[in-house]
C-alpha atoms as a PDB file:
ATOM      1  CA  MET A   1     -44.687 -39.973 -98.909  1.00  0.00           C
ATOM      2  CA  SER A   2     -43.512 -37.549-101.748  1.00  0.00           C
ATOM      3  CA  GLU A   3     -40.227 -38.188-103.184  1.00  0.00           C
ATOM      4  CA  LEU A   4     -39.498 -34.270-102.935  1.00  0.00           C
ATOM      5  CA  GLN A   5     -40.035 -34.089 -99.186  1.00  0.00           C
ATOM      6  CA  GLU A   6     -36.566 -33.359 -97.492  1.00  0.00           C
ATOM      7  CA  THR A   7     -35.172 -35.881 -95.178  1.00  0.00           C
ATOM      8  CA  PRO A   8     -33.318 -34.779 -92.206  1.00  0.00           C
ATOM      9  CA  PRO A   9     -29.648 -35.589 -92.473  1.00  0.00           C
ATOM     10  CA  ALA A  10     -28.621 -38.664 -90.477  1.00  0.00           C
ATOM     11  CA  ALA A  11     -26.469 -38.208 -87.365  1.00  0.00           C
ATOM     12  CA  PRO A  12     -22.842 -39.047 -87.888  1.00  0.00           C
ATOM     13  CA  ALA A  13     -21.995 -42.532 -86.457  1.00  0.00           C
ATOM     14  CA  SER A  14     -20.114 -42.822 -83.365  1.00  0.00           C
ATOM     15  CA  PRO A  15     -16.728 -44.688 -83.498  1.00  0.00           C
ATOM     16  CA  ALA A  16     -16.944 -48.293 -82.745  1.00  0.00           C
ATOM     17  CA  GLY A  17     -17.113 -49.226 -79.188  1.00  0.00           C
ATOM     18  CA  ALA A  18     -17.422 -45.412 -78.091  1.00  0.00           C
ATOM     19  CA  THR A  19     -20.326 -44.606 -75.727  1.00  0.00           C
ATOM     20  CA  GLY A  20     -21.617 -41.374 -74.146  1.00  0.00           C
ATOM     21  CA  GLN A  21     -19.625 -42.002 -70.995  1.00  0.00           C
ATOM     22  CA  GLU A  22     -16.353 -42.290 -72.376  1.00  0.00           C
ATOM     23  CA  ALA A  23     -16.163 -38.740 -74.167  1.00  0.00           C
ATOM     24  CA  PRO A  24     -15.605 -36.998 -70.889  1.00  0.00           C
ATOM     25  CA  ALA A  25     -12.719 -39.141 -69.799  1.00  0.00           C
ATOM     26  CA  ALA A  26     -10.898 -38.444 -73.216  1.00  0.00           C
ATOM     27  CA  ALA A  27     -11.639 -34.771 -72.543  1.00  0.00           C
ATOM     28  CA  GLY A  28      -9.803 -34.970 -69.008  1.00  0.00           C
ATOM     29  CA  GLN A  29      -6.423 -36.316 -70.111  1.00  0.00           C
ATOM     30  CA  PRO A  30      -3.526 -34.048 -68.993  1.00  0.00           C
ATOM     31  CA  PRO A  31      -2.034 -31.849 -71.608  1.00  0.00           C
ATOM     32  CA  VAL A  32       0.956 -32.704 -73.296  1.00  0.00           C
ATOM     33  CA  LYS A  33       3.934 -30.947 -71.961  1.00  0.00           C
ATOM     34  CA  PRO A  34       6.073 -29.160 -74.283  1.00  0.00           C
ATOM     35  CA  VAL A  35       9.694 -30.552 -74.762  1.00  0.00           C
ATOM     36  CA  LEU A  36      12.599 -28.141 -74.137  1.00  0.00           C
ATOM     37  CA  THR A  37      14.554 -27.878 -77.349  1.00  0.00           C
ATOM     38  CA  ALA A  38      18.333 -28.331 -77.240  1.00  0.00           C
ATOM     39  CA  LYS A  39      18.760 -24.580 -78.135  1.00  0.00           C
ATOM     40  CA  ALA A  40      16.455 -23.380 -75.434  1.00  0.00           C
ATOM     41  CA  ALA A  41      18.250 -25.559 -72.835  1.00  0.00           C
ATOM     42  CA  LYS A  42      21.490 -24.091 -74.042  1.00  0.00           C
ATOM     43  CA  ARG A  43      20.356 -20.539 -73.750  1.00  0.00           C
ATOM     44  CA  ALA A  44      18.971 -21.178 -70.096  1.00  0.00           C
ATOM     45  CA  ASN A  45      22.299 -22.764 -69.167  1.00  0.00           C
ATOM     46  CA  ALA A  46      24.201 -19.897 -70.526  1.00  0.00           C
ATOM     47  CA  SER A  47      22.260 -17.556 -68.408  1.00  0.00           C
ATOM     48  CA  VAL A  48      22.966 -19.463 -65.170  1.00  0.00           C
ATOM     49  CA  ILE A  49      26.689 -19.613 -66.130  1.00  0.00           C
ATOM     50  CA  GLY A  50      26.642 -15.900 -66.560  1.00  0.00           C
ATOM     51  CA  MET A  51      25.321 -15.021 -63.202  1.00  0.00           C
ATOM     52  CA  ILE A  52      27.902 -17.313 -61.784  1.00  0.00           C
ATOM     53  CA  ILE A  53      30.648 -15.626 -63.515  1.00  0.00           C
ATOM     54  CA  ALA A  54      29.341 -12.027 -62.502  1.00  0.00           C
ATOM     55  CA  LEU A  55      29.389 -13.282 -58.871  1.00  0.00           C
ATOM     56  CA  VAL A  56      32.628 -14.686 -58.870  1.00  0.00           C
ATOM     57  CA  VAL A  57      34.082 -11.422 -60.482  1.00  0.00           C
ATOM     58  CA  SER A  58      32.350  -9.399 -57.639  1.00  0.00           C
ATOM     59  CA  ILE A  59      33.622 -11.601 -54.986  1.00  0.00           C
ATOM     60  CA  ALA A  60      37.278 -11.223 -56.461  1.00  0.00           C
ATOM     61  CA  ALA A  61      36.809  -7.360 -56.780  1.00  0.00           C
ATOM     62  CA  PHE A  62      35.997  -6.819 -52.967  1.00  0.00           C
ATOM     63  CA  LEU A  63      38.170  -9.474 -51.462  1.00  0.00           C
ATOM     64  CA  PRO A  64      41.449  -7.483 -51.680  1.00  0.00           C
ATOM     65  CA  ILE A  65      39.620  -4.538 -49.923  1.00  0.00           C
ATOM     66  CA  VAL A  66      38.436  -6.783 -47.214  1.00  0.00           C
ATOM     67  CA  LEU A  67      42.033  -8.339 -46.750  1.00  0.00           C
ATOM     68  CA  MET A  68      43.641  -4.925 -46.664  1.00  0.00           C
ATOM     69  CA  ASN A  69      41.281  -3.962 -43.655  1.00  0.00           C
ATOM     70  CA  PRO A  70      41.369  -6.705 -41.126  1.00  0.00           C
ATOM     71  CA  ALA A  71      39.275  -6.554 -38.193  1.00  0.00           C
ATOM     72  CA  PRO A  72      40.892  -4.787 -35.032  1.00  0.00           C
ATOM     73  CA  LYS A  73      42.388  -7.265 -32.583  1.00  0.00           C
ATOM     74  CA  THR A  74      41.909  -4.992 -29.546  1.00  0.00           C
ATOM     75  CA  ASP A  75      39.163  -5.759 -26.981  1.00  0.00           C
ATOM     76  CA  GLY A  76      37.708  -2.308 -27.560  1.00  0.00           C
ATOM     77  CA  TYR A  77      38.056   0.915 -25.485  1.00  0.00           C
ATOM     78  CA  ARG A  78      39.195   0.426 -21.989  1.00  0.00           C
ATOM     79  CA  PRO A  79      39.300   3.606 -20.061  1.00  0.00           C
ATOM     80  CA  ASP A  80      42.200   4.263 -17.715  1.00  0.00           C
ATOM     81  CA  ILE A  81      40.557   5.399 -14.520  1.00  0.00           C
ATOM     82  CA  ASN A  82      42.773   6.622 -11.570  1.00  0.00           C
ATOM     83  CA  VAL A  83      40.395   5.633  -8.819  1.00  0.00           C
ATOM     84  CA  SER A  84      42.700   7.167  -6.036  1.00  0.00           C
ATOM     85  CA  ALA A  85      42.949  10.511  -7.739  1.00  0.00           C
ATOM     86  CA  VAL A  86      39.033  10.652  -8.262  1.00  0.00           C
ATOM     87  CA  ALA A  87      38.511   9.488  -4.691  1.00  0.00           C
ATOM     88  CA  GLN A  88      40.893  12.294  -3.447  1.00  0.00           C
ATOM     89  CA  ASN A  89      38.830  14.930  -5.234  1.00  0.00           C
ATOM     90  CA  ALA A  90      35.638  13.508  -3.808  1.00  0.00           C
ATOM     91  CA  ALA A  91      36.992  13.284  -0.198  1.00  0.00           C
ATOM     92  CA  GLY A  92      36.223  16.975   0.519  1.00  0.00           C
ATOM     93  CA  VAL A  93      32.550  16.775  -0.095  1.00  0.00           C
ATOM     94  CA  ALA A  94      32.021  12.970   0.966  1.00  0.00           C
ATOM     95  CA  GLY A  95      32.674  13.438   4.492  1.00  0.00           C
ATOM     96  CA  PHE A  96      34.352  10.092   4.816  1.00  0.00           C
ATOM     97  CA  THR A  97      37.404   8.395   3.180  1.00  0.00           C
ATOM     98  CA  PRO A  98      36.323   7.188  -0.302  1.00  0.00           C
ATOM     99  CA  ALA A  99      37.428   3.589  -0.824  1.00  0.00           C
ATOM    100  CA  ALA A 100      39.983   3.178  -3.449  1.00  0.00           C
ATOM    101  CA  PRO A 101      41.307  -0.479  -3.226  1.00  0.00           C
ATOM    102  CA  ASP A 102      44.469  -1.345  -4.636  1.00  0.00           C
ATOM    103  CA  THR A 103      43.447  -4.364  -6.982  1.00  0.00           C
ATOM    104  CA  GLY A 104      46.639  -4.376  -8.960  1.00  0.00           C
ATOM    105  CA  ASP A 105      46.083  -5.609 -12.756  1.00  0.00           C
ATOM    106  CA  THR A 106      43.273  -8.051 -11.537  1.00  0.00           C
ATOM    107  CA  PHE A 107      40.320  -5.651 -11.405  1.00  0.00           C
ATOM    108  CA  ARG A 108      39.978  -2.941 -13.946  1.00  0.00           C
ATOM    109  CA  ALA A 109      38.044   0.197 -12.942  1.00  0.00           C
ATOM    110  CA  ASN A 110      35.898   1.639 -15.804  1.00  0.00           C
ATOM    111  CA  TYR A 111      34.383   4.579 -13.957  1.00  0.00           C
ATOM    112  CA  ALA A 112      34.764   6.243 -10.661  1.00  0.00           C
ATOM    113  CA  ARG A 113      32.519   9.298  -9.411  1.00  0.00           C
ATOM    114  CA  TRP A 114      30.768  11.000  -6.510  1.00  0.00           C
ATOM    115  CA  GLU A 115      27.095  11.162  -6.760  1.00  0.00           C
ATOM    116  CA  SER A 116      25.424  14.014  -4.985  1.00  0.00           C
ATOM    117  CA  GLY A 117      22.290  11.977  -4.440  1.00  0.00           C
ATOM    118  CA  THR A 118      19.898  14.504  -6.274  1.00  0.00           C
ATOM    119  CA  GLY A 119      17.629  11.670  -7.141  1.00  0.00           C
ATOM    120  CA  SER A 120      17.915   9.203  -4.477  1.00  0.00           C
ATOM    121  CA  GLY A 121      18.708  11.605  -1.477  1.00  0.00           C
ATOM    122  CA  VAL A 122      21.739   9.558  -0.622  1.00  0.00           C
ATOM    123  CA  PRO A 123      25.195  10.964  -1.718  1.00  0.00           C
ATOM    124  CA  THR A 124      27.237   7.936  -2.713  1.00  0.00           C
ATOM    125  CA  TRP A 125      30.833   7.030  -3.876  1.00  0.00           C
ATOM    126  CA  GLU A 126      30.546   4.841  -6.933  1.00  0.00           C
ATOM    127  CA  VAL A 127      33.260   2.814  -8.659  1.00  0.00           C
ATOM    128  CA  GLY A 128      32.643   0.107 -11.304  1.00  0.00           C
ATOM    129  CA  TYR A 129      35.080  -2.897 -11.694  1.00  0.00           C
ATOM    130  CA  LEU A 130      35.721  -5.381 -14.497  1.00  0.00           C
ATOM    131  CA  THR A 131      36.660  -8.502 -12.889  1.00  0.00           C
ATOM    132  CA  PRO A 132      39.379 -11.040 -14.014  1.00  0.00           C
ATOM    133  CA  ARG A 133      36.680 -13.239 -15.683  1.00  0.00           C
ATOM    134  CA  GLU A 134      35.184 -10.029 -17.450  1.00  0.00           C
ATOM    135  CA  SER A 135      32.183  -9.841 -15.046  1.00  0.00           C
ATOM    136  CA  PHE A 136      31.096  -6.688 -13.263  1.00  0.00           C
ATOM    137  CA  ILE A 137      31.003  -5.490  -9.627  1.00  0.00           C
ATOM    138  CA  ALA A 138      30.048  -2.008  -8.563  1.00  0.00           C
ATOM    139  CA  LEU A 139      31.202  -0.491  -5.411  1.00  0.00           C
ATOM    140  CA  LEU A 140      28.900   1.834  -3.398  1.00  0.00           C
ATOM    141  CA  GLN A 141      29.946   3.661  -0.310  1.00  0.00           C
ATOM    142  CA  THR A 142      27.891   6.129   1.677  1.00  0.00           C
ATOM    143  CA  ARG A 143      27.275   7.603   5.191  1.00  0.00           C
ATOM    144  CA  GLN A 144      23.698   8.154   4.656  1.00  0.00           C
ATOM    145  CA  SER A 145      22.349   4.642   4.161  1.00  0.00           C
ATOM    146  CA  ASN A 146      18.802   3.844   4.802  1.00  0.00           C
ATOM    147  CA  PRO A 147      16.946   0.563   4.211  1.00  0.00           C
ATOM    148  CA  THR A 148      14.975   1.746   1.286  1.00  0.00           C
ATOM    149  CA  TRP A 149      18.032   2.770  -0.503  1.00  0.00           C
ATOM    150  CA  LEU A 150      19.970  -0.348   0.430  1.00  0.00           C
ATOM    151  CA  LEU A 151      17.306  -2.523  -0.888  1.00  0.00           C
ATOM    152  CA  GLN A 152      17.195  -0.755  -4.107  1.00  0.00           C
ATOM    153  CA  GLN A 153      20.974  -1.247  -4.643  1.00  0.00           C
ATOM    154  CA  VAL A 154      21.033  -4.968  -3.806  1.00  0.00           C
ATOM    155  CA  LYS A 155      17.997  -5.408  -6.067  1.00  0.00           C
ATOM    156  CA  SER A 156      15.619  -6.583  -3.337  1.00  0.00           C
ATOM    157  CA  ALA A 157      17.753  -9.486  -2.824  1.00  0.00           C
ATOM    158  CA  PRO A 158      17.248 -11.165   0.676  1.00  0.00           C
ATOM    159  CA  VAL A 159      20.100 -11.940   3.164  1.00  0.00           C
ATOM    160  CA  THR A 160      21.372 -15.454   2.366  1.00  0.00           C
ATOM    161  CA  GLY A 161      24.248 -15.676   5.045  1.00  0.00           C
ATOM    162  CA  THR A 162      27.676 -13.842   5.674  1.00  0.00           C
ATOM    163  CA  ARG A 163      30.856 -14.110   3.993  1.00  0.00           C
ATOM    164  CA  SER A 164      34.186 -13.404   5.600  1.00  0.00           C
ATOM    165  CA  ALA A 165      36.584 -11.069   3.537  1.00  0.00           C
ATOM    166  CA  GLY A 166      39.544  -9.092   4.870  1.00  0.00           C
ATOM    167  CA  GLY A 167      38.884 -10.328   8.392  1.00  0.00           C
ATOM    168  CA  ARG A 168      35.350  -8.602   8.412  1.00  0.00           C
ATOM    169  CA  ASP A 169      32.022 -10.442   8.029  1.00  0.00           C
ATOM    170  CA  TRP A 170      30.016  -9.266   5.019  1.00  0.00           C
ATOM    171  CA  GLU A 171      26.396  -9.654   4.773  1.00  0.00           C
ATOM    172  CA  LEU A 172      25.624 -11.738   1.717  1.00  0.00           C
ATOM    173  CA  ARG A 173      22.528 -11.349  -0.412  1.00  0.00           C
ATOM    174  CA  ASP A 174      21.637 -13.368  -3.378  1.00  0.00           C
ATOM    175  CA  THR A 175      18.763 -12.673  -5.952  1.00  0.00           C
ATOM    176  CA  GLY A 176      18.993 -16.401  -7.228  1.00  0.00           C
ATOM    177  CA  LYS A 177      19.227 -14.963 -10.705  1.00  0.00           C
ATOM    178  CA  GLY A 178      22.971 -14.501 -10.966  1.00  0.00           C
ATOM    179  CA  GLU A 179      23.108 -11.039  -9.339  1.00  0.00           C
ATOM    180  CA  LYS A 180      24.593 -11.008  -5.876  1.00  0.00           C
ATOM    181  CA  SER A 181      25.678  -8.297  -3.307  1.00  0.00           C
ATOM    182  CA  MET A 182      28.051  -8.244  -0.257  1.00  0.00           C
ATOM    183  CA  VAL A 183      27.401  -5.463   2.318  1.00  0.00           C
ATOM    184  CA  LEU A 184      29.536  -4.175   4.938  1.00  0.00           C
ATOM    185  CA  LEU A 185      27.454  -2.277   7.397  1.00  0.00           C
ATOM    186  CA  ASP A 186      30.058  -0.748   9.559  1.00  0.00           C
ATOM    187  CA  ALA A 187      32.989   0.350   7.434  1.00  0.00           C
ATOM    188  CA  GLY A 188      34.419   3.289   9.485  1.00  0.00           C
ATOM    189  CA  GLY A 189      31.066   5.086   9.684  1.00  0.00           C
ATOM    190  CA  SER A 190      30.160   4.355   6.181  1.00  0.00           C
ATOM    191  CA  THR A 191      28.272   1.379   4.521  1.00  0.00           C
ATOM    192  CA  VAL A 192      29.838  -0.358   1.605  1.00  0.00           C
ATOM    193  CA  ILE A 193      28.159  -2.449  -0.979  1.00  0.00           C
ATOM    194  CA  LEU A 194      29.608  -4.527  -3.698  1.00  0.00           C
ATOM    195  CA  THR A 195      27.097  -5.739  -6.031  1.00  0.00           C
ATOM    196  CA  GLY A 196      27.114  -7.391  -9.640  1.00  0.00           C
ATOM    197  CA  SER A 197      27.072 -10.625 -11.536  1.00  0.00           C
ATOM    198  CA  ALA A 198      30.665 -11.904 -10.738  1.00  0.00           C
ATOM    199  CA  GLN A 199      31.540 -15.204  -8.955  1.00  0.00           C
ATOM    200  CA  LEU A 200      31.894 -15.089  -5.172  1.00  0.00           C
ATOM    201  CA  ASP A 201      35.506 -15.728  -5.094  1.00  0.00           C
ATOM    202  CA  GLU A 202      35.965 -12.499  -7.146  1.00  0.00           C
ATOM    203  CA  PHE A 203      33.604 -10.778  -4.653  1.00  0.00           C
ATOM    204  CA  THR A 204      35.733 -11.761  -1.854  1.00  0.00           C
ATOM    205  CA  ALA A 205      38.967 -10.757  -3.344  1.00  0.00           C
ATOM    206  CA  LEU A 206      37.561  -7.307  -4.070  1.00  0.00           C
ATOM    207  CA  ALA A 207      36.011  -6.974  -0.552  1.00  0.00           C
ATOM    208  CA  ALA A 208      39.363  -7.832   1.015  1.00  0.00           C
ATOM    209  CA  ALA A 209      41.098  -5.171  -1.053  1.00  0.00           C
ATOM    210  CA  VAL A 210      38.414  -2.762   0.135  1.00  0.00           C
ATOM    211  CA  VAL A 211      38.974  -3.635   3.885  1.00  0.00           C
ATOM    212  CA  ARG A 212      42.647  -3.206   3.528  1.00  0.00           C
ATOM    213  CA  ASP A 213      42.245   0.300   2.207  1.00  0.00           C
ATOM    214  CA  LEU A 214      39.780   1.253   4.749  1.00  0.00           C
ATOM    215  CA  GLU A 215      41.841   0.016   7.574  1.00  0.00           C
ATOM    216  CA  SER A 216      45.173   1.357   6.266  1.00  0.00           C
ATOM    217  CA  GLY A 217      44.077   4.915   6.552  1.00  0.00           C
ATOM    218  CA  ALA A 218      45.667   5.302   3.005  1.00  0.00           C
ATOM    219  CA  GLY A 219      42.267   6.753   1.554  1.00  0.00           C
ATOM    220  CA  ALA A 220      42.556   9.780  -0.659  1.00  0.00           C
ATOM    221  CA  ALA A 221      40.867  12.011   1.933  1.00  0.00           C
ATOM    222  CA  GLY A 222      43.925  11.997   3.995  1.00  0.00           C
ATOM    223  CA  SER A 223      45.772  14.450   1.930  1.00  0.00           C
ATOM    224  CA  ALA A 224      42.683  16.274   0.417  1.00  0.00           C
ATOM    225  CA  SER A 225      42.465  19.954   1.477  1.00  0.00           C
ATOM    226  CA  PRO A 226      39.407  21.172   3.135  1.00  0.00           C
ATOM    227  CA  GLY A 227      38.371  23.131  -0.061  1.00  0.00           C
ATOM    228  CA  SER A 228      38.676  20.114  -2.393  1.00  0.00           C
ATOM    229  CA  THR A 229      35.923  19.392  -4.770  1.00  0.00           C
ATOM    230  CA  ALA A 230      34.702  16.399  -6.717  1.00  0.00           C
ATOM    231  CA  GLU A 231      35.438  17.906 -10.000  1.00  0.00           C
ATOM    232  CA  ALA A 232      37.292  15.021 -11.426  1.00  0.00           C
ATOM    233  CA  THR A 233      34.408  12.593 -11.530  1.00  0.00           C
ATOM    234  CA  VAL A 234      35.740  10.637 -14.474  1.00  0.00           C
ATOM    235  CA  SER A 235      32.718   8.371 -15.400  1.00  0.00           C
ATOM    236  CA  PRO A 236      32.138   6.661 -18.648  1.00  0.00           C
ATOM    237  CA  SER A 237      28.625   5.057 -18.173  1.00  0.00           C
ATOM    238  CA  PRO A 238      29.039   1.551 -16.283  1.00  0.00           C
ATOM    239  CA  ALA A 239      28.930  -1.365 -18.660  1.00  0.00           C
ATOM    240  CA  PRO A 240      26.312  -4.054 -17.952  1.00  0.00           C
ATOM    241  CA  SER A 241      27.751  -7.203 -16.864  1.00  0.00           C
ATOM    242  CA  PRO A 242      28.458  -9.978 -19.633  1.00  0.00           C
END
């Protein structure tokens, strides 16, 4: 061979003990995590402390405003409904003595009105009562009751028995879901329904007051003139039972 012939350079020698299989393993090592310097850590802490200080300053600025405007301690608006007065105005068009039971301070009326029956076809005297336990009982009275209307008012509840109140036997209906009704079918020529979510003892107390009012003849119709109308139908919408 000629001495001038070029000889290809030799491949670099591999490190001692290195094999072709170990190279990929070295390449797969996790990267080195950078270390947070003291200055960088100090700047990060300063940012967090600044946010906390700003939050405390904001709370301190609004706290006096909140303290100067405390929440109202009242139970909300409670309308003062004179059931007897509204019943007296309704008597002239009702054709019967609307029940206006004297419940003292135990039951609070939140509406009283005469409904002409435009939608249902059954003119009805209606009063809503909040009970001592803050439940709700609606009083309905009409001279034109029919099975369909009655079933609608008691929410299709079946008859589950009778309950005595005011010396009269009331028909007891219970939906089984908290709603119940007491029905007096012969109330001086009219039908009276008490319906709501109250306890039975509250139903009984109100039913007894209704019977006393009907039997006393002290209903508002007694002093109503023939030309009276139901103009004073004071009636905020009935509140649903709690």
